[in-house]
Amino acid sequence: MQVRDRHVAVTGASSGIGAAIAAEMAAHGARVTLVARREERLRELATTLARDHGTESFVAVADLARLETSTDWIEEARAALGPIDVLVNNAGVQVIAATARVDPDEGERSVALNLLAPLRATRVVLPGMLERGDGVIVNVTSMAALAPTPRMTYYNAGKAGLAGASEALRGELRKTGVDVVTVYPGIIAETEMAQDGLAAYASSTMLALQPRGTARSLAGHVRRAVERRRARVVYPRANGLARTFPTFTRWLMDRFTPDLASDGLARAVS
C-alpha cells in the first residue's frame, strides 16, 4: 500500500514519534488526521505540513484515556478526509515508580491509554477496512513489551498487552487484505517521553549502553513497513536481539536495571 492519497490517522500526534510519523506520511502524499490533547501543537503541525507538503489535514482534539469518548473523533475524521486507510495507534504514557507507591488511578489511566484506547479505535475502523478489503493498523508498542522494565509495571502491562493483541490480530486478518504492523521502539533520544523517562532512573552503564534512535528515522521505518506490509518494526535494529533471546534479555533486565533517581514516587510521562 502506497500512502500517497491515503487517509492516515495518527494518535499522539502532538509531539515525538507521533508528530514524526504524521510528517513522514504527509511528505509522501498522505492526508493526515492528527489526534492528541494539545490543540495548539496539533494546529502548528497541521500548518507546517500544509506549508511544506500541501497536506490536507484534520485536527482532532481528544483525551483518549477517557474511554467512553475515545473514538468520537473517528467519525469526524472520516467526514473530513474519507475512510481511514491507515490507523496509527501511537498515543501513550509512562508511569515510572516503585510499584508499591503507584497511585492505582494513575496506573489504570495509563493502561486505558496504552492498551484499551487502541483496541477501541481498532474495533471502530476495522469493519470498514474489512469491507473494502484494504487497510493497515499500526500499533506503536515499546521495547518494554519485549524487555519489561522494573519500576514500570503498568507501562509494561499496557504495552505488552497491545503487542500481544497486535501480533495476534495480524494472524487473524491474514488473507483479508488488512495488515497489522507492530512497532517496538527503544529509546528515541530527543522525545519528551525518553528524556523524562531516562531522568527518572539513576545513571548507569546499562542505560549508557542502550541503543538510541531518532523519531524521524523510526517514522521512515514505519512508513516503509506500511507500504511493504511488513509484520513489525524493531528499532533501533540492535534491539532485535531482545526478541531473539528473551531469556538472556530477562536476565539482564532483572540484574542491571538501575534504581530510580528519586524517592520512587510515581511520575507520568506523556
C-alpha atoms as a PDB file:
ATOM      1  CA  MET A   1       0.000   0.000   0.000  1.00  0.00           C
ATOM      2  CA  GLN A   2       1.450   3.333  -1.042  1.00  0.00           C
ATOM      3  CA  VAL A   3       0.480   6.064   1.427  1.00  0.00           C
ATOM      4  CA  ARG A   4       0.059   8.687  -1.306  1.00  0.00           C
ATOM      5  CA  ASP A   5      -3.546   9.897  -1.445  1.00  0.00           C
ATOM      6  CA  ARG A   6      -4.418   7.697   1.547  1.00  0.00           C
ATOM      7  CA  HIS A   7      -6.015   8.861   4.779  1.00  0.00           C
ATOM      8  CA  VAL A   8      -3.631   8.199   7.671  1.00  0.00           C
ATOM      9  CA  ALA A   9      -4.823   8.849  11.234  1.00  0.00           C
ATOM     10  CA  VAL A  10      -2.142   9.231  13.911  1.00  0.00           C
ATOM     11  CA  THR A  11      -2.894   9.375  17.635  1.00  0.00           C
ATOM     12  CA  GLY A  12      -0.473  11.119  19.958  1.00  0.00           C
ATOM     13  CA  ALA A  13       0.483  13.355  17.033  1.00  0.00           C
ATOM     14  CA  SER A  14       1.309  16.496  19.007  1.00  0.00           C
ATOM     15  CA  SER A  15       4.964  15.571  19.628  1.00  0.00           C
ATOM     16  CA  GLY A  16       7.670  12.944  19.441  1.00  0.00           C
ATOM     17  CA  ILE A  17       7.088   9.749  17.488  1.00  0.00           C
ATOM     18  CA  GLY A  18       3.519  10.633  16.547  1.00  0.00           C
ATOM     19  CA  ALA A  19       4.438  14.003  15.067  1.00  0.00           C
ATOM     20  CA  ALA A  20       7.320  12.412  13.159  1.00  0.00           C
ATOM     21  CA  ILE A  21       5.099   9.676  11.710  1.00  0.00           C
ATOM     22  CA  ALA A  22       2.493  12.235  10.664  1.00  0.00           C
ATOM     23  CA  ALA A  23       5.191  14.330   8.963  1.00  0.00           C
ATOM     24  CA  GLU A  24       6.640  11.276   7.211  1.00  0.00           C
ATOM     25  CA  MET A  25       3.250  10.222   5.878  1.00  0.00           C
ATOM     26  CA  ALA A  26       2.464  13.776   4.749  1.00  0.00           C
ATOM     27  CA  ALA A  27       5.809  14.069   2.986  1.00  0.00           C
ATOM     28  CA  HIS A  28       4.835  11.037   0.902  1.00  0.00           C
ATOM     29  CA  GLY A  29       1.460  12.405  -0.118  1.00  0.00           C
ATOM     30  CA  ALA A  30      -0.941  11.182   2.552  1.00  0.00           C
ATOM     31  CA  ARG A  31      -3.885  13.067   4.006  1.00  0.00           C
ATOM     32  CA  VAL A  32      -3.499  13.054   7.777  1.00  0.00           C
ATOM     33  CA  THR A  33      -5.708  13.202  10.829  1.00  0.00           C
ATOM     34  CA  LEU A  34      -3.795  14.465  13.858  1.00  0.00           C
ATOM     35  CA  VAL A  35      -5.155  13.300  17.213  1.00  0.00           C
ATOM     36  CA  ALA A  36      -4.000  14.401  20.683  1.00  0.00           C
ATOM     37  CA  ARG A  37      -4.974  16.568  23.653  1.00  0.00           C
ATOM     38  CA  ARG A  38      -2.760  19.571  22.888  1.00  0.00           C
ATOM     39  CA  GLU A  39      -4.692  21.528  20.260  1.00  0.00           C
ATOM     40  CA  GLU A  40      -2.129  24.297  19.807  1.00  0.00           C
ATOM     41  CA  ARG A  41       0.625  21.838  18.934  1.00  0.00           C
ATOM     42  CA  LEU A  42      -1.643  19.946  16.549  1.00  0.00           C
ATOM     43  CA  ARG A  43      -2.596  23.111  14.695  1.00  0.00           C
ATOM     44  CA  GLU A  44       1.041  24.172  14.481  1.00  0.00           C
ATOM     45  CA  LEU A  45       1.894  20.802  12.953  1.00  0.00           C
ATOM     46  CA  ALA A  46      -1.042  20.991  10.534  1.00  0.00           C
ATOM     47  CA  THR A  47       0.132  24.439   9.406  1.00  0.00           C
ATOM     48  CA  THR A  48       3.686  23.184   8.893  1.00  0.00           C
ATOM     49  CA  LEU A  49       2.528  20.164   6.884  1.00  0.00           C
ATOM     50  CA  ALA A  50       0.320  22.320   4.672  1.00  0.00           C
ATOM     51  CA  ARG A  51       3.176  24.753   4.058  1.00  0.00           C
ATOM     52  CA  ASP A  52       5.865  22.146   3.415  1.00  0.00           C
ATOM     53  CA  HIS A  53       3.885  19.454   1.588  1.00  0.00           C
ATOM     54  CA  GLY A  54       0.479  20.897   0.707  1.00  0.00           C
ATOM     55  CA  THR A  55      -1.023  18.352   3.084  1.00  0.00           C
ATOM     56  CA  GLU A  56      -4.751  18.200   3.697  1.00  0.00           C
ATOM     57  CA  SER A  57      -5.190  17.503   7.411  1.00  0.00           C
ATOM     58  CA  PHE A  58      -7.843  17.264  10.088  1.00  0.00           C
ATOM     59  CA  VAL A  59      -7.157  18.167  13.721  1.00  0.00           C
ATOM     60  CA  ALA A  60      -8.959  16.090  16.355  1.00  0.00           C
ATOM     61  CA  VAL A  61      -8.555  17.183  19.975  1.00  0.00           C
ATOM     62  CA  ALA A  62      -9.234  14.179  22.217  1.00  0.00           C
ATOM     63  CA  ASP A  63      -8.303  12.710  25.583  1.00  0.00           C
ATOM     64  CA  LEU A  64      -8.037   9.066  24.577  1.00  0.00           C
ATOM     65  CA  ALA A  65      -7.739   7.874  28.176  1.00  0.00           C
ATOM     66  CA  ARG A  66     -11.447   8.773  28.565  1.00  0.00           C
ATOM     67  CA  LEU A  67     -12.609   5.525  27.043  1.00  0.00           C
ATOM     68  CA  GLU A  68     -16.279   6.482  26.796  1.00  0.00           C
ATOM     69  CA  THR A  69     -15.391   9.206  24.272  1.00  0.00           C
ATOM     70  CA  SER A  70     -12.067   7.900  22.965  1.00  0.00           C
ATOM     71  CA  THR A  71     -13.366   7.046  19.483  1.00  0.00           C
ATOM     72  CA  ASP A  72     -15.642  10.038  18.920  1.00  0.00           C
ATOM     73  CA  TRP A  73     -13.019  11.678  16.676  1.00  0.00           C
ATOM     74  CA  ILE A  74     -13.163   8.855  14.122  1.00  0.00           C
ATOM     75  CA  GLU A  75     -16.481   9.739  12.540  1.00  0.00           C
ATOM     76  CA  GLU A  76     -15.458  13.397  12.303  1.00  0.00           C
ATOM     77  CA  ALA A  77     -12.178  12.401  10.653  1.00  0.00           C
ATOM     78  CA  ARG A  78     -13.984  10.213   8.129  1.00  0.00           C
ATOM     79  CA  ALA A  79     -16.344  13.054   7.291  1.00  0.00           C
ATOM     80  CA  ALA A  80     -13.399  15.407   6.755  1.00  0.00           C
ATOM     81  CA  LEU A  81     -10.949  13.195   4.836  1.00  0.00           C
ATOM     82  CA  GLY A  82     -12.760   9.988   3.898  1.00  0.00           C
ATOM     83  CA  PRO A  83     -12.363   6.415   5.174  1.00  0.00           C
ATOM     84  CA  ILE A  84      -9.299   5.781   7.308  1.00  0.00           C
ATOM     85  CA  ASP A  85      -6.837   3.697   5.303  1.00  0.00           C
ATOM     86  CA  VAL A  86      -4.075   3.586   7.931  1.00  0.00           C
ATOM     87  CA  LEU A  87      -4.672   3.855  11.679  1.00  0.00           C
ATOM     88  CA  VAL A  88      -1.544   4.557  13.730  1.00  0.00           C
ATOM     89  CA  ASN A  89      -2.222   3.846  17.416  1.00  0.00           C
ATOM     90  CA  ASN A  90       0.680   5.786  18.894  1.00  0.00           C
ATOM     91  CA  ALA A  91      -0.595   7.782  21.904  1.00  0.00           C
ATOM     92  CA  GLY A  92       0.930   6.588  25.155  1.00  0.00           C
ATOM     93  CA  VAL A  93       2.025   7.491  28.648  1.00  0.00           C
ATOM     94  CA  GLN A  94       4.593   6.108  31.089  1.00  0.00           C
ATOM     95  CA  VAL A  95       4.204   5.750  34.822  1.00  0.00           C
ATOM     96  CA  ILE A  96       7.608   5.231  36.399  1.00  0.00           C
ATOM     97  CA  ALA A  97       7.644   4.360  40.078  1.00  0.00           C
ATOM     98  CA  ALA A  98       8.152   1.660  42.650  1.00  0.00           C
ATOM     99  CA  THR A  99       5.014  -0.421  42.129  1.00  0.00           C
ATOM    100  CA  ALA A 100       4.004  -0.306  45.788  1.00  0.00           C
ATOM    101  CA  ARG A 101       3.826   3.503  45.587  1.00  0.00           C
ATOM    102  CA  VAL A 102       1.959   3.966  42.300  1.00  0.00           C
ATOM    103  CA  ASP A 103      -1.375   5.741  42.513  1.00  0.00           C
ATOM    104  CA  PRO A 104      -3.735   2.992  41.223  1.00  0.00           C
ATOM    105  CA  ASP A 105      -5.928   5.514  39.412  1.00  0.00           C
ATOM    106  CA  GLU A 106      -2.922   6.928  37.582  1.00  0.00           C
ATOM    107  CA  GLY A 107      -1.654   3.455  36.726  1.00  0.00           C
ATOM    108  CA  GLU A 108      -5.018   2.315  35.409  1.00  0.00           C
ATOM    109  CA  ARG A 109      -5.426   5.500  33.370  1.00  0.00           C
ATOM    110  CA  SER A 110      -2.126   4.680  31.692  1.00  0.00           C
ATOM    111  CA  VAL A 111      -3.356   1.164  30.864  1.00  0.00           C
ATOM    112  CA  ALA A 112      -6.519   2.701  29.396  1.00  0.00           C
ATOM    113  CA  LEU A 113      -4.463   4.946  27.108  1.00  0.00           C
ATOM    114  CA  ASN A 114      -1.746   2.436  26.216  1.00  0.00           C
ATOM    115  CA  LEU A 115      -3.955  -0.618  25.673  1.00  0.00           C
ATOM    116  CA  LEU A 116      -7.710  -0.131  25.796  1.00  0.00           C
ATOM    117  CA  ALA A 117      -7.966   3.029  23.681  1.00  0.00           C
ATOM    118  CA  PRO A 118      -6.030   1.478  20.753  1.00  0.00           C
ATOM    119  CA  LEU A 119      -8.229  -1.611  20.918  1.00  0.00           C
ATOM    120  CA  ARG A 120     -11.355   0.554  20.812  1.00  0.00           C
ATOM    121  CA  ALA A 121     -10.098   2.577  17.869  1.00  0.00           C
ATOM    122  CA  THR A 122      -9.155  -0.602  16.037  1.00  0.00           C
ATOM    123  CA  ARG A 123     -12.607  -2.058  16.672  1.00  0.00           C
ATOM    124  CA  VAL A 124     -14.241   1.023  15.121  1.00  0.00           C
ATOM    125  CA  VAL A 125     -12.126   1.267  11.949  1.00  0.00           C
ATOM    126  CA  LEU A 126     -11.660  -2.456  11.288  1.00  0.00           C
ATOM    127  CA  PRO A 127     -15.118  -3.289   9.849  1.00  0.00           C
ATOM    128  CA  GLY A 128     -14.722  -0.645   7.150  1.00  0.00           C
ATOM    129  CA  MET A 129     -11.254  -1.897   6.265  1.00  0.00           C
ATOM    130  CA  LEU A 130     -12.535  -5.468   6.010  1.00  0.00           C
ATOM    131  CA  GLU A 131     -15.433  -4.365   3.828  1.00  0.00           C
ATOM    132  CA  ARG A 132     -13.025  -2.594   1.474  1.00  0.00           C
ATOM    133  CA  GLY A 133     -10.511  -5.459   1.662  1.00  0.00           C
ATOM    134  CA  ASP A 134      -7.715  -2.989   2.301  1.00  0.00           C
ATOM    135  CA  GLY A 135      -6.113  -1.142   5.204  1.00  0.00           C
ATOM    136  CA  VAL A 136      -3.293  -1.133   7.717  1.00  0.00           C
ATOM    137  CA  ILE A 137      -3.368  -0.846  11.508  1.00  0.00           C
ATOM    138  CA  VAL A 138      -0.092   0.258  13.090  1.00  0.00           C
ATOM    139  CA  ASN A 139       0.319  -0.318  16.819  1.00  0.00           C
ATOM    140  CA  VAL A 140       3.238   1.543  18.397  1.00  0.00           C
ATOM    141  CA  THR A 141       4.146  -0.520  21.446  1.00  0.00           C
ATOM    142  CA  SER A 142       7.557  -0.390  23.134  1.00  0.00           C
ATOM    143  CA  MET A 143      10.680  -2.384  23.797  1.00  0.00           C
ATOM    144  CA  ALA A 144       9.089  -2.730  27.231  1.00  0.00           C
ATOM    145  CA  ALA A 145       6.800  -5.302  25.586  1.00  0.00           C
ATOM    146  CA  LEU A 146       9.861  -7.436  24.765  1.00  0.00           C
ATOM    147  CA  ALA A 147      12.033  -6.492  27.736  1.00  0.00           C
ATOM    148  CA  PRO A 148       9.708  -5.425  30.601  1.00  0.00           C
ATOM    149  CA  THR A 149      11.489  -2.866  32.733  1.00  0.00           C
ATOM    150  CA  PRO A 150      11.386  -2.919  36.555  1.00  0.00           C
ATOM    151  CA  ARG A 151       9.514   0.033  38.125  1.00  0.00           C
ATOM    152  CA  MET A 152       7.344   0.435  35.017  1.00  0.00           C
ATOM    153  CA  THR A 153       4.756  -2.185  35.932  1.00  0.00           C
ATOM    154  CA  TYR A 154       1.676  -0.513  34.460  1.00  0.00           C
ATOM    155  CA  TYR A 155       3.510   0.613  31.334  1.00  0.00           C
ATOM    156  CA  ASN A 156       4.869  -2.890  30.770  1.00  0.00           C
ATOM    157  CA  ALA A 157       1.376  -4.325  31.166  1.00  0.00           C
ATOM    158  CA  GLY A 158      -0.210  -1.910  28.725  1.00  0.00           C
ATOM    159  CA  LYS A 159       2.437  -2.140  26.022  1.00  0.00           C
ATOM    160  CA  ALA A 160       2.872  -5.911  26.301  1.00  0.00           C
ATOM    161  CA  GLY A 161      -0.894  -6.295  26.082  1.00  0.00           C
ATOM    162  CA  LEU A 162      -1.043  -4.138  22.967  1.00  0.00           C
ATOM    163  CA  ALA A 163       1.858  -6.006  21.366  1.00  0.00           C
ATOM    164  CA  GLY A 164       0.208  -9.360  22.048  1.00  0.00           C
ATOM    165  CA  ALA A 165      -3.103  -8.192  20.621  1.00  0.00           C
ATOM    166  CA  SER A 166      -1.378  -6.659  17.614  1.00  0.00           C
ATOM    167  CA  GLU A 167       0.676  -9.723  16.718  1.00  0.00           C
ATOM    168  CA  ALA A 168      -2.366 -11.981  17.089  1.00  0.00           C
ATOM    169  CA  LEU A 169      -4.582  -9.668  15.035  1.00  0.00           C
ATOM    170  CA  ARG A 170      -2.143  -9.798  12.137  1.00  0.00           C
ATOM    171  CA  GLY A 171      -2.556 -13.572  12.056  1.00  0.00           C
ATOM    172  CA  GLU A 172      -6.331 -13.306  12.340  1.00  0.00           C
ATOM    173  CA  LEU A 173      -6.542 -10.909   9.384  1.00  0.00           C
ATOM    174  CA  ARG A 174      -4.284 -12.917   7.092  1.00  0.00           C
ATOM    175  CA  LYS A 175      -5.734 -13.061   3.561  1.00  0.00           C
ATOM    176  CA  THR A 176      -8.300 -10.313   4.261  1.00  0.00           C
ATOM    177  CA  GLY A 177      -6.290  -7.501   2.655  1.00  0.00           C
ATOM    178  CA  VAL A 178      -5.944  -5.778   6.040  1.00  0.00           C
ATOM    179  CA  ASP A 179      -2.495  -5.817   7.608  1.00  0.00           C
ATOM    180  CA  VAL A 180      -1.186  -5.073  11.096  1.00  0.00           C
ATOM    181  CA  VAL A 181       2.256  -3.641  11.824  1.00  0.00           C
ATOM    182  CA  THR A 182       3.583  -3.892  15.386  1.00  0.00           C
ATOM    183  CA  VAL A 183       6.230  -1.297  16.242  1.00  0.00           C
ATOM    184  CA  TYR A 184       8.702  -1.791  19.095  1.00  0.00           C
ATOM    185  CA  PRO A 185      10.593   1.480  19.662  1.00  0.00           C
ATOM    186  CA  GLY A 186      13.526   1.654  22.001  1.00  0.00           C
ATOM    187  CA  ILE A 187      14.956   4.917  23.320  1.00  0.00           C
ATOM    188  CA  ILE A 188      14.097   7.768  20.962  1.00  0.00           C
ATOM    189  CA  ALA A 189      16.503  10.229  22.476  1.00  0.00           C
ATOM    190  CA  GLU A 190      15.003  13.596  21.524  1.00  0.00           C
ATOM    191  CA  THR A 191      11.416  12.886  22.619  1.00  0.00           C
ATOM    192  CA  GLU A 192       9.934  14.250  25.828  1.00  0.00           C
ATOM    193  CA  MET A 193       8.980  10.743  26.919  1.00  0.00           C
ATOM    194  CA  ALA A 194      12.513   9.406  26.553  1.00  0.00           C
ATOM    195  CA  GLN A 195      14.149  12.382  28.228  1.00  0.00           C
ATOM    196  CA  ASP A 196      11.809  12.326  31.219  1.00  0.00           C
ATOM    197  CA  GLY A 197      11.960   8.552  31.420  1.00  0.00           C
ATOM    198  CA  LEU A 198      15.759   8.470  31.440  1.00  0.00           C
ATOM    199  CA  ALA A 199      15.829  11.220  34.066  1.00  0.00           C
ATOM    200  CA  ALA A 200      13.700   9.054  36.355  1.00  0.00           C
ATOM    201  CA  TYR A 201      16.495   6.471  36.656  1.00  0.00           C
ATOM    202  CA  ALA A 202      19.914   6.844  38.213  1.00  0.00           C
ATOM    203  CA  SER A 203      22.744   6.956  35.677  1.00  0.00           C
ATOM    204  CA  SER A 204      24.304   3.579  34.977  1.00  0.00           C
ATOM    205  CA  THR A 205      26.435   1.721  32.473  1.00  0.00           C
ATOM    206  CA  MET A 206      23.394  -0.237  31.303  1.00  0.00           C
ATOM    207  CA  LEU A 207      21.498   2.936  30.441  1.00  0.00           C
ATOM    208  CA  ALA A 208      24.521   4.443  28.743  1.00  0.00           C
ATOM    209  CA  LEU A 209      24.899   1.376  26.522  1.00  0.00           C
ATOM    210  CA  GLN A 210      21.261   1.304  25.390  1.00  0.00           C
ATOM    211  CA  PRO A 211      20.894   1.896  21.627  1.00  0.00           C
ATOM    212  CA  ARG A 212      19.381   5.269  20.741  1.00  0.00           C
ATOM    213  CA  GLY A 213      17.372   6.268  17.707  1.00  0.00           C
ATOM    214  CA  THR A 214      15.589   9.298  16.288  1.00  0.00           C
ATOM    215  CA  ALA A 215      11.881   9.874  15.755  1.00  0.00           C
ATOM    216  CA  ARG A 216      12.460  10.817  12.123  1.00  0.00           C
ATOM    217  CA  SER A 217      14.353   7.620  11.363  1.00  0.00           C
ATOM    218  CA  LEU A 218      11.749   5.500  13.140  1.00  0.00           C
ATOM    219  CA  ALA A 219       8.977   7.233  11.190  1.00  0.00           C
ATOM    220  CA  GLY A 220      10.682   6.283   7.946  1.00  0.00           C
ATOM    221  CA  HIS A 221      10.823   2.649   9.029  1.00  0.00           C
ATOM    222  CA  VAL A 222       7.124   2.738   9.961  1.00  0.00           C
ATOM    223  CA  ARG A 223       6.090   4.246   6.619  1.00  0.00           C
ATOM    224  CA  ARG A 224       8.068   1.657   4.695  1.00  0.00           C
ATOM    225  CA  ALA A 225       6.599  -1.142   6.828  1.00  0.00           C
ATOM    226  CA  VAL A 226       3.098   0.111   5.972  1.00  0.00           C
ATOM    227  CA  GLU A 227       3.873   0.299   2.260  1.00  0.00           C
ATOM    228  CA  ARG A 228       5.555  -3.113   2.193  1.00  0.00           C
ATOM    229  CA  ARG A 229       3.055  -4.634   4.650  1.00  0.00           C
ATOM    230  CA  ARG A 230       5.730  -5.896   6.991  1.00  0.00           C
ATOM    231  CA  ALA A 231       4.761  -7.553  10.253  1.00  0.00           C
ATOM    232  CA  ARG A 232       6.818  -5.474  12.654  1.00  0.00           C
ATOM    233  CA  VAL A 233       9.435  -2.795  13.217  1.00  0.00           C
ATOM    234  CA  VAL A 234      12.024  -3.229  15.978  1.00  0.00           C
ATOM    235  CA  TYR A 235      14.029  -0.024  16.314  1.00  0.00           C
ATOM    236  CA  PRO A 236      16.922   0.580  16.725  1.00  0.00           C
ATOM    237  CA  ARG A 237      17.763  -2.668  14.974  1.00  0.00           C
ATOM    238  CA  ALA A 238      20.161  -3.816  17.687  1.00  0.00           C
ATOM    239  CA  ASN A 239      17.123  -4.256  19.926  1.00  0.00           C
ATOM    240  CA  GLY A 240      16.039  -7.166  17.771  1.00  0.00           C
ATOM    241  CA  LEU A 241      18.264  -9.329  19.948  1.00  0.00           C
ATOM    242  CA  ALA A 242      15.747  -8.911  22.777  1.00  0.00           C
ATOM    243  CA  ARG A 243      13.113 -10.681  20.697  1.00  0.00           C
ATOM    244  CA  THR A 244      15.542 -13.376  19.565  1.00  0.00           C
ATOM    245  CA  PHE A 245      16.998 -14.096  23.014  1.00  0.00           C
ATOM    246  CA  PRO A 246      14.202 -13.391  25.533  1.00  0.00           C
ATOM    247  CA  THR A 247      15.688 -15.450  28.374  1.00  0.00           C
ATOM    248  CA  PHE A 248      19.014 -13.601  28.267  1.00  0.00           C
ATOM    249  CA  THR A 249      17.194 -10.283  27.964  1.00  0.00           C
ATOM    250  CA  ARG A 250      15.159 -11.058  31.076  1.00  0.00           C
ATOM    251  CA  TRP A 251      18.354 -11.959  32.969  1.00  0.00           C
ATOM    252  CA  LEU A 252      19.919  -8.608  32.015  1.00  0.00           C
ATOM    253  CA  MET A 253      16.839  -6.598  32.957  1.00  0.00           C
ATOM    254  CA  ASP A 254      16.451  -8.316  36.332  1.00  0.00           C
ATOM    255  CA  ARG A 255      20.054  -7.762  37.350  1.00  0.00           C
ATOM    256  CA  PHE A 256      21.132  -4.491  35.795  1.00  0.00           C
ATOM    257  CA  THR A 257      18.147  -2.137  35.612  1.00  0.00           C
ATOM    258  CA  PRO A 258      19.217   0.931  37.636  1.00  0.00           C
ATOM    259  CA  ASP A 259      17.438   2.272  40.680  1.00  0.00           C
ATOM    260  CA  LEU A 260      15.175   5.294  40.452  1.00  0.00           C
ATOM    261  CA  ALA A 261      16.880   8.660  40.730  1.00  0.00           C
ATOM    262  CA  SER A 262      14.331   9.960  43.268  1.00  0.00           C
ATOM    263  CA  ASP A 263      12.322   8.515  46.129  1.00  0.00           C
ATOM    264  CA  GLY A 264      10.212   6.266  43.915  1.00  0.00           C
ATOM    265  CA  LEU A 265       7.059   8.348  43.785  1.00  0.00           C
ATOM    266  CA  ALA A 266       5.009   7.905  40.618  1.00  0.00           C
ATOM    267  CA  ARG A 267       5.542  10.214  37.709  1.00  0.00           C
ATOM    268  CA  ALA A 268       3.634  10.224  34.458  1.00  0.00           C
ATOM    269  CA  VAL A 269       5.440  10.995  31.227  1.00  0.00           C
ATOM    270  CA  SER A 270       3.228  11.673  28.202  1.00  0.00           C
END
